[in-house]
């Protein structure tokens, strides 16, 4: 029996973002993160500060941080 190391299928990661307070904030963060290559969906929730990202593979933290910064918010890390 061999160990399967193929990581096919989408990867879901939840990030914590500080400063979101409304639907406009959610849209700004979602719009910026969705431009990262490989991202298929983004759901931001201002009330919890959580942003759920579904992507083809793991994303570079710096790419996500840059997208969140561009939207005017701060990435606090992974939830």
PDB file of N, CA and C in Angstrom:
ATOM      1  N   UNK A   1       0.853  -1.183   0.000  1.00  0.00           N
ATOM      2  CA  UNK A   1       0.000   0.000   0.000  1.00  0.00           C
ATOM      3  C   UNK A   1       0.895   1.240   0.000  1.00  0.00           C
ATOM      4  N   UNK A   2       0.574   2.204  -0.840  1.00  0.00           N
ATOM      5  CA  UNK A   2       1.367   3.427  -0.891  1.00  0.00           C
ATOM      6  C   UNK A   2       0.572   4.589  -0.319  1.00  0.00           C
ATOM      7  N   UNK A   3       1.284   5.496   0.278  1.00  0.00           N
ATOM      8  CA  UNK A   3       0.634   6.683   0.824  1.00  0.00           C
ATOM      9  C   UNK A   3       0.298   7.627  -0.320  1.00  0.00           C
ATOM     10  N   UNK A   4      -0.892   8.143  -0.300  1.00  0.00           N
ATOM     11  CA  UNK A   4      -1.304   9.071  -1.345  1.00  0.00           C
ATOM     12  C   UNK A   4      -0.923  10.483  -0.928  1.00  0.00           C
ATOM     13  N   UNK A   5      -0.089  11.130  -1.754  1.00  0.00           N
ATOM     14  CA  UNK A   5       0.345  12.480  -1.433  1.00  0.00           C
ATOM     15  C   UNK A   5      -0.279  13.498  -2.373  1.00  0.00           C
ATOM     16  N   UNK A   6      -1.115  13.054  -3.286  1.00  0.00           N
ATOM     17  CA  UNK A   6      -1.773  13.964  -4.223  1.00  0.00           C
ATOM     18  C   UNK A   6      -2.858  14.734  -3.472  1.00  0.00           C
ATOM     19  N   UNK A   7      -2.770  16.057  -3.504  1.00  0.00           N
ATOM     20  CA  UNK A   7      -3.748  16.879  -2.796  1.00  0.00           C
ATOM     21  C   UNK A   7      -4.730  17.483  -3.793  1.00  0.00           C
ATOM     22  N   UNK A   8      -5.471  16.616  -4.451  1.00  0.00           N
ATOM     23  CA  UNK A   8      -6.452  17.098  -5.407  1.00  0.00           C
ATOM     24  C   UNK A   8      -7.691  17.578  -4.672  1.00  0.00           C
ATOM     25  N   UNK A   9      -8.355  18.512  -5.283  1.00  0.00           N
ATOM     26  CA  UNK A   9      -9.563  19.043  -4.684  1.00  0.00           C
ATOM     27  C   UNK A   9      -9.300  20.396  -4.061  1.00  0.00           C
ATOM     28  N   UNK A  10     -10.379  21.108  -3.799  1.00  0.00           N
ATOM     29  CA  UNK A  10     -10.246  22.468  -3.261  1.00  0.00           C
ATOM     30  C   UNK A  10      -9.759  22.495  -1.811  1.00  0.00           C
ATOM     31  N   UNK A  11      -9.104  23.606  -1.467  1.00  0.00           N
ATOM     32  CA  UNK A  11      -8.620  23.841  -0.111  1.00  0.00           C
ATOM     33  C   UNK A  11      -9.435  24.991   0.473  1.00  0.00           C
ATOM     34  N   UNK A  12      -9.975  24.794   1.669  1.00  0.00           N
ATOM     35  CA  UNK A  12     -10.733  25.842   2.344  1.00  0.00           C
ATOM     36  C   UNK A  12      -9.916  26.358   3.520  1.00  0.00           C
ATOM     37  N   UNK A  13      -9.706  27.667   3.552  1.00  0.00           N
ATOM     38  CA  UNK A  13      -8.937  28.298   4.625  1.00  0.00           C
ATOM     39  C   UNK A  13      -9.755  29.450   5.192  1.00  0.00           C
ATOM     40  N   UNK A  14      -9.778  29.569   6.511  1.00  0.00           N
ATOM     41  CA  UNK A  14     -10.487  30.662   7.174  1.00  0.00           C
ATOM     42  C   UNK A  14      -9.450  31.611   7.769  1.00  0.00           C
ATOM     43  N   UNK A  15      -9.578  32.878   7.397  1.00  0.00           N
ATOM     44  CA  UNK A  15      -8.672  33.918   7.892  1.00  0.00           C
ATOM     45  C   UNK A  15      -9.427  34.861   8.815  1.00  0.00           C
ATOM     46  N   UNK A  16      -8.700  35.510   9.718  1.00  0.00           N
ATOM     47  CA  UNK A  16      -9.266  36.557  10.573  1.00  0.00           C
ATOM     48  C   UNK A  16      -8.798  37.901  10.024  1.00  0.00           C
ATOM     49  N   UNK A  17      -9.742  38.786   9.785  1.00  0.00           N
ATOM     50  CA  UNK A  17      -9.445  40.118   9.263  1.00  0.00           C
ATOM     51  C   UNK A  17     -10.029  41.143  10.233  1.00  0.00           C
ATOM     52  N   UNK A  18      -9.227  42.120  10.621  1.00  0.00           N
ATOM     53  CA  UNK A  18      -9.705  43.138  11.550  1.00  0.00           C
ATOM     54  C   UNK A  18     -10.127  44.392  10.794  1.00  0.00           C
ATOM     55  N   UNK A  19     -11.148  45.047  11.325  1.00  0.00           N
ATOM     56  CA  UNK A  19     -11.589  46.324  10.786  1.00  0.00           C
ATOM     57  C   UNK A  19     -12.845  46.286   9.939  1.00  0.00           C
ATOM     58  N   UNK A  20     -13.314  45.107   9.565  1.00  0.00           N
ATOM     59  CA  UNK A  20     -14.543  45.033   8.762  1.00  0.00           C
ATOM     60  C   UNK A  20     -15.742  45.343   9.648  1.00  0.00           C
ATOM     61  N   UNK A  21     -16.667  46.186   9.145  1.00  0.00           N
ATOM     62  CA  UNK A  21     -17.832  46.526   9.961  1.00  0.00           C
ATOM     63  C   UNK A  21     -19.153  46.496   9.199  1.00  0.00           C
ATOM     64  N   UNK A  22     -19.103  46.258   7.870  1.00  0.00           N
ATOM     65  CA  UNK A  22     -20.345  46.323   7.102  1.00  0.00           C
ATOM     66  C   UNK A  22     -20.227  45.508   5.813  1.00  0.00           C
ATOM     67  N   UNK A  23     -21.311  45.480   5.072  1.00  0.00           N
ATOM     68  CA  UNK A  23     -21.344  44.755   3.810  1.00  0.00           C
ATOM     69  C   UNK A  23     -20.358  45.304   2.788  1.00  0.00           C
ATOM     70  N   UNK A  24     -20.156  46.608   2.807  1.00  0.00           N
ATOM     71  CA  UNK A  24     -19.190  47.202   1.887  1.00  0.00           C
ATOM     72  C   UNK A  24     -17.785  46.688   2.192  1.00  0.00           C
ATOM     73  N   UNK A  25     -17.465  46.581   3.466  1.00  0.00           N
ATOM     74  CA  UNK A  25     -16.167  46.044   3.891  1.00  0.00           C
ATOM     75  C   UNK A  25     -16.008  44.600   3.404  1.00  0.00           C
ATOM     76  N   UNK A  26     -17.056  43.807   3.598  1.00  0.00           N
ATOM     77  CA  UNK A  26     -17.028  42.411   3.147  1.00  0.00           C
ATOM     78  C   UNK A  26     -16.758  42.336   1.649  1.00  0.00           C
ATOM     79  N   UNK A  27     -17.428  43.185   0.890  1.00  0.00           N
ATOM     80  CA  UNK A  27     -17.262  43.195  -0.557  1.00  0.00           C
ATOM     81  C   UNK A  27     -15.867  43.605  -0.981  1.00  0.00           C
ATOM     82  N   UNK A  28     -15.299  44.582  -0.285  1.00  0.00           N
ATOM     83  CA  UNK A  28     -13.951  45.048  -0.616  1.00  0.00           C
ATOM     84  C   UNK A  28     -12.924  43.940  -0.387  1.00  0.00           C
ATOM     85  N   UNK A  29     -13.012  43.278   0.757  1.00  0.00           N
ATOM     86  CA  UNK A  29     -12.081  42.201   1.075  1.00  0.00           C
ATOM     87  C   UNK A  29     -12.275  41.027   0.118  1.00  0.00           C
ATOM     88  N   UNK A  30     -13.530  40.645  -0.110  1.00  0.00           N
ATOM     89  CA  UNK A  30     -13.816  39.527  -1.014  1.00  0.00           C
ATOM     90  C   UNK A  30     -13.307  39.811  -2.420  1.00  0.00           C
ATOM     91  N   UNK A  31     -13.520  41.037  -2.882  1.00  0.00           N
ATOM     92  CA  UNK A  31     -13.100  41.404  -4.227  1.00  0.00           C
ATOM     93  C   UNK A  31     -11.601  41.324  -4.417  1.00  0.00           C
ATOM     94  N   UNK A  32     -10.855  41.783  -3.440  1.00  0.00           N
ATOM     95  CA  UNK A  32      -9.393  41.746  -3.546  1.00  0.00           C
ATOM     96  C   UNK A  32      -8.859  40.315  -3.464  1.00  0.00           C
ATOM     97  N   UNK A  33      -9.354  39.533  -2.508  1.00  0.00           N
ATOM     98  CA  UNK A  33      -8.862  38.157  -2.363  1.00  0.00           C
ATOM     99  C   UNK A  33      -9.245  37.315  -3.570  1.00  0.00           C
ATOM    100  N   UNK A  34     -10.414  37.552  -4.144  1.00  0.00           N
ATOM    101  CA  UNK A  34     -10.852  36.746  -5.290  1.00  0.00           C
ATOM    102  C   UNK A  34      -9.965  36.940  -6.512  1.00  0.00           C
ATOM    103  N   UNK A  35      -9.149  37.986  -6.525  1.00  0.00           N
ATOM    104  CA  UNK A  35      -8.237  38.215  -7.648  1.00  0.00           C
ATOM    105  C   UNK A  35      -6.958  37.387  -7.561  1.00  0.00           C
ATOM    106  N   UNK A  36      -6.731  36.721  -6.428  1.00  0.00           N
ATOM    107  CA  UNK A  36      -5.551  35.864  -6.283  1.00  0.00           C
ATOM    108  C   UNK A  36      -5.751  34.620  -7.148  1.00  0.00           C
ATOM    109  N   UNK A  37      -4.731  34.269  -7.891  1.00  0.00           N
ATOM    110  CA  UNK A  37      -4.794  33.099  -8.771  1.00  0.00           C
ATOM    111  C   UNK A  37      -5.153  31.843  -7.989  1.00  0.00           C
ATOM    112  N   UNK A  38      -6.121  31.082  -8.494  1.00  0.00           N
ATOM    113  CA  UNK A  38      -6.523  29.825  -7.871  1.00  0.00           C
ATOM    114  C   UNK A  38      -7.711  29.938  -6.936  1.00  0.00           C
ATOM    115  N   UNK A  39      -8.113  31.166  -6.575  1.00  0.00           N
ATOM    116  CA  UNK A  39      -9.237  31.347  -5.654  1.00  0.00           C
ATOM    117  C   UNK A  39     -10.549  31.145  -6.412  1.00  0.00           C
ATOM    118  N   UNK A  40     -11.414  30.289  -5.877  1.00  0.00           N
ATOM    119  CA  UNK A  40     -12.694  30.038  -6.536  1.00  0.00           C
ATOM    120  C   UNK A  40     -13.867  30.685  -5.812  1.00  0.00           C
ATOM    121  N   UNK A  41     -13.749  30.913  -4.491  1.00  0.00           N
ATOM    122  CA  UNK A  41     -14.811  31.627  -3.782  1.00  0.00           C
ATOM    123  C   UNK A  41     -14.274  32.252  -2.502  1.00  0.00           C
ATOM    124  N   UNK A  42     -14.909  33.360  -2.131  1.00  0.00           N
ATOM    125  CA  UNK A  42     -14.542  34.083  -0.914  1.00  0.00           C
ATOM    126  C   UNK A  42     -15.826  34.501  -0.213  1.00  0.00           C
ATOM    127  N   UNK A  43     -15.924  34.232   1.078  1.00  0.00           N
ATOM    128  CA  UNK A  43     -17.050  34.671   1.879  1.00  0.00           C
ATOM    129  C   UNK A  43     -16.519  35.415   3.091  1.00  0.00           C
ATOM    130  N   UNK A  44     -16.798  36.714   3.149  1.00  0.00           N
ATOM    131  CA  UNK A  44     -16.360  37.532   4.281  1.00  0.00           C
ATOM    132  C   UNK A  44     -17.563  37.845   5.161  1.00  0.00           C
ATOM    133  N   UNK A  45     -17.374  37.769   6.478  1.00  0.00           N
ATOM    134  CA  UNK A  45     -18.438  38.058   7.439  1.00  0.00           C
ATOM    135  C   UNK A  45     -17.912  39.118   8.404  1.00  0.00           C
ATOM    136  N   UNK A  46     -18.415  40.337   8.267  1.00  0.00           N
ATOM    137  CA  UNK A  46     -17.934  41.458   9.070  1.00  0.00           C
ATOM    138  C   UNK A  46     -18.153  41.233  10.565  1.00  0.00           C
ATOM    139  N   UNK A  47     -19.283  40.652  10.946  1.00  0.00           N
ATOM    140  CA  UNK A  47     -19.612  40.503  12.365  1.00  0.00           C
ATOM    141  C   UNK A  47     -18.640  39.588  13.112  1.00  0.00           C
ATOM    142  N   UNK A  48     -18.025  38.636  12.405  1.00  0.00           N
ATOM    143  CA  UNK A  48     -17.076  37.722  13.045  1.00  0.00           C
ATOM    144  C   UNK A  48     -15.634  38.034  12.659  1.00  0.00           C
ATOM    145  N   UNK A  49     -15.458  38.804  11.580  1.00  0.00           N
ATOM    146  CA  UNK A  49     -14.118  39.082  11.080  1.00  0.00           C
ATOM    147  C   UNK A  49     -13.510  37.913  10.338  1.00  0.00           C
ATOM    148  N   UNK A  50     -14.326  36.930  10.031  1.00  0.00           N
ATOM    149  CA  UNK A  50     -13.814  35.742   9.354  1.00  0.00           C
ATOM    150  C   UNK A  50     -14.028  35.829   7.852  1.00  0.00           C
ATOM    151  N   UNK A  51     -12.997  35.387   7.125  1.00  0.00           N
ATOM    152  CA  UNK A  51     -13.057  35.337   5.669  1.00  0.00           C
ATOM    153  C   UNK A  51     -12.717  33.909   5.264  1.00  0.00           C
ATOM    154  N   UNK A  52     -13.680  33.228   4.638  1.00  0.00           N
ATOM    155  CA  UNK A  52     -13.484  31.849   4.206  1.00  0.00           C
ATOM    156  C   UNK A  52     -13.125  31.860   2.730  1.00  0.00           C
ATOM    157  N   UNK A  53     -11.990  31.259   2.408  1.00  0.00           N
ATOM    158  CA  UNK A  53     -11.480  31.253   1.037  1.00  0.00           C
ATOM    159  C   UNK A  53     -11.375  29.817   0.551  1.00  0.00           C
ATOM    160  N   UNK A  54     -11.957  29.533  -0.611  1.00  0.00           N
ATOM    161  CA  UNK A  54     -11.822  28.232  -1.247  1.00  0.00           C
ATOM    162  C   UNK A  54     -10.921  28.438  -2.456  1.00  0.00           C
ATOM    163  N   UNK A  55      -9.856  27.625  -2.524  1.00  0.00           N
ATOM    164  CA  UNK A  55      -8.888  27.766  -3.608  1.00  0.00           C
ATOM    165  C   UNK A  55      -8.445  26.399  -4.117  1.00  0.00           C
ATOM    166  N   UNK A  56      -7.815  26.411  -5.282  1.00  0.00           N
ATOM    167  CA  UNK A  56      -7.361  25.173  -5.895  1.00  0.00           C
ATOM    168  C   UNK A  56      -6.239  24.523  -5.090  1.00  0.00           C
ATOM    169  N   UNK A  57      -5.514  25.311  -4.332  1.00  0.00           N
ATOM    170  CA  UNK A  57      -4.417  24.813  -3.505  1.00  0.00           C
ATOM    171  C   UNK A  57      -4.141  25.816  -2.408  1.00  0.00           C
ATOM    172  N   UNK A  58      -3.191  25.510  -1.542  1.00  0.00           N
ATOM    173  CA  UNK A  58      -2.847  26.448  -0.470  1.00  0.00           C
ATOM    174  C   UNK A  58      -2.373  27.787  -1.041  1.00  0.00           C
ATOM    175  N   UNK A  59      -2.757  28.869  -0.400  1.00  0.00           N
ATOM    176  CA  UNK A  59      -2.361  30.202  -0.845  1.00  0.00           C
ATOM    177  C   UNK A  59      -1.190  30.700  -0.011  1.00  0.00           C
ATOM    178  N   UNK A  60      -0.352  31.508  -0.635  1.00  0.00           N
ATOM    179  CA  UNK A  60       0.744  32.133   0.100  1.00  0.00           C
ATOM    180  C   UNK A  60       0.151  33.177   1.043  1.00  0.00           C
ATOM    181  N   UNK A  61       0.546  33.115   2.308  1.00  0.00           N
ATOM    182  CA  UNK A  61       0.032  34.070   3.293  1.00  0.00           C
ATOM    183  C   UNK A  61       0.294  35.508   2.869  1.00  0.00           C
ATOM    184  N   UNK A  62       1.448  35.756   2.258  1.00  0.00           N
ATOM    185  CA  UNK A  62       1.777  37.119   1.842  1.00  0.00           C
ATOM    186  C   UNK A  62       0.843  37.624   0.745  1.00  0.00           C
ATOM    187  N   UNK A  63       0.383  36.743  -0.128  1.00  0.00           N
ATOM    188  CA  UNK A  63      -0.562  37.142  -1.185  1.00  0.00           C
ATOM    189  C   UNK A  63      -1.891  37.542  -0.566  1.00  0.00           C
ATOM    190  N   UNK A  64      -2.331  36.777   0.423  1.00  0.00           N
ATOM    191  CA  UNK A  64      -3.600  37.089   1.102  1.00  0.00           C
ATOM    192  C   UNK A  64      -3.445  38.384   1.900  1.00  0.00           C
ATOM    193  N   UNK A  65      -2.326  38.532   2.592  1.00  0.00           N
ATOM    194  CA  UNK A  65      -2.069  39.748   3.373  1.00  0.00           C
ATOM    195  C   UNK A  65      -2.070  40.979   2.463  1.00  0.00           C
ATOM    196  N   UNK A  66      -1.429  40.879   1.298  1.00  0.00           N
ATOM    197  CA  UNK A  66      -1.376  42.003   0.362  1.00  0.00           C
ATOM    198  C   UNK A  66      -2.764  42.363  -0.149  1.00  0.00           C
ATOM    199  N   UNK A  67      -3.598  41.356  -0.426  1.00  0.00           N
ATOM    200  CA  UNK A  67      -4.959  41.606  -0.904  1.00  0.00           C
ATOM    201  C   UNK A  67      -5.797  42.289   0.169  1.00  0.00           C
ATOM    202  N   UNK A  68      -5.677  41.822   1.405  1.00  0.00           N
ATOM    203  CA  UNK A  68      -6.432  42.409   2.515  1.00  0.00           C
ATOM    204  C   UNK A  68      -5.955  43.847   2.757  1.00  0.00           C
ATOM    205  N   UNK A  69      -4.646  44.070   2.704  1.00  0.00           N
ATOM    206  CA  UNK A  69      -4.093  45.421   2.849  1.00  0.00           C
ATOM    207  C   UNK A  69      -4.628  46.342   1.764  1.00  0.00           C
ATOM    208  N   UNK A  70      -4.689  45.841   0.534  1.00  0.00           N
ATOM    209  CA  UNK A  70      -5.182  46.636  -0.599  1.00  0.00           C
ATOM    210  C   UNK A  70      -6.637  47.055  -0.373  1.00  0.00           C
ATOM    211  N   UNK A  71      -7.395  46.197   0.295  1.00  0.00           N
ATOM    212  CA  UNK A  71      -8.795  46.510   0.590  1.00  0.00           C
ATOM    213  C   UNK A  71      -8.920  47.495   1.754  1.00  0.00           C
ATOM    214  N   UNK A  72      -7.816  47.728   2.464  1.00  0.00           N
ATOM    215  CA  UNK A  72      -7.830  48.683   3.568  1.00  0.00           C
ATOM    216  C   UNK A  72      -8.025  48.070   4.939  1.00  0.00           C
ATOM    217  N   UNK A  73      -7.740  46.790   5.064  1.00  0.00           N
ATOM    218  CA  UNK A  73      -7.937  46.100   6.331  1.00  0.00           C
ATOM    219  C   UNK A  73      -6.664  45.354   6.714  1.00  0.00           C
ATOM    220  N   UNK A  74      -6.697  44.692   7.868  1.00  0.00           N
ATOM    221  CA  UNK A  74      -5.512  44.000   8.352  1.00  0.00           C
ATOM    222  C   UNK A  74      -5.781  42.515   8.547  1.00  0.00           C
ATOM    223  N   UNK A  75      -4.888  41.701   7.988  1.00  0.00           N
ATOM    224  CA  UNK A  75      -4.976  40.256   8.176  1.00  0.00           C
ATOM    225  C   UNK A  75      -4.396  39.928   9.538  1.00  0.00           C
ATOM    226  N   UNK A  76      -5.208  39.329  10.408  1.00  0.00           N
ATOM    227  CA  UNK A  76      -4.773  38.987  11.753  1.00  0.00           C
ATOM    228  C   UNK A  76      -4.192  37.573  11.787  1.00  0.00           C
ATOM    229  N   UNK A  77      -4.427  36.777  10.762  1.00  0.00           N
ATOM    230  CA  UNK A  77      -3.933  35.415  10.703  1.00  0.00           C
ATOM    231  C   UNK A  77      -5.021  34.445  10.305  1.00  0.00           C
ATOM    232  N   UNK A  78      -4.723  33.182  10.452  1.00  0.00           N
ATOM    233  CA  UNK A  78      -5.712  32.145  10.149  1.00  0.00           C
ATOM    234  C   UNK A  78      -6.550  31.899  11.384  1.00  0.00           C
ATOM    235  N   UNK A  79      -7.820  31.618  11.155  1.00  0.00           N
ATOM    236  CA  UNK A  79      -8.742  31.382  12.275  1.00  0.00           C
ATOM    237  C   UNK A  79      -8.573  29.984  12.820  1.00  0.00           C
TER     238      UNK A  79
END
